[in-house]
Amino acid sequence: MKTWMTLLLITAIVSAGAHAEKMTIVTGEWAPYTSEQLENYGAITEIVSLALQEMGQEFEYKFYPWRRGFELVKKGKVWATFPYFYTEERAQHVLYSDALFTSSTRFFHYKKTKDYTFDTLEDLKDYNVGLIIGYFYEEDFKKAGLQINYSVDELSSFKKLVSGKTELTPIDELVGWQLIHTHFPEEAQNFGVLEKAFYVGDSHLVASKKYSGSKELLEQFNAALQTLKDNGTYAAILNKYGISQ
């Protein structure tokens, strides 16, 4: 009996120690949700931080381009990254948290001179469309036969809009306007969005299937996130950043 109790105690200590180690969480530049330039790294990063603190987990953030961050998680080199939309292809490699927030993605344009209205993506085949490398709808764009101009990040994509290299680029509406008012304040009146939303859906934290104890950590994270939603902290943080859900 003493032997079994000793083994159980050792197992518990090892398990607790593994979770107490500082873990790395990866994210990218997507203000106002997450940004290295914002207080507490942005609204959703602040929520993720509080959830991790609720778990008693030590952590640090590293900011990388989206594709690189996802690959690190996929390989199990870091536990998680955010925010990401659900796709069946991604779900083969990662675990999804409960919803962090709902995003509305729209096509932005600059000095609109054409009628860009659309019902399906195929309706936009005649236009040069900007796309950020690593965005989940790349395959949809290819299947629709769109003329795609790739960029490494959102700012680069917007610069192409202004230069005329592209005519449309899809991005979360809040992210797009934040980018415009930060980097193109004198040009803000020249930007606009199409009335029809391209995509509205939940965004998540995604965790590696290869990281030790990942499933247990994700269950703890979901419980902590729900606590923040139930006690009003979640809504207060979004309100602080002017984000409505």
Foldseek 3Di string as FASTA:
>chain_A
DVVVVVVVVVVVVVVVVVQQDEFEEEEADQPQCADPPDVCRHLLNVLLVQLCVVLNGHYDYDYDQQVVNLVCQLVQVGWWYDWADDDPVSVVRWDWFPFSDKFFKWKKFFQDDDPQDDDALLSQQVWEEEDAPPHPCPVVNVVSNHNYDYDPDDLVRVVCRVVVVGGIYMDGPVSVLVSCCVPPVVRSVRMDTDPDTPDIGTITMITGPPHPPSVVVSVSSNVSSVVCVVVVVSVVSCVVSPHDD
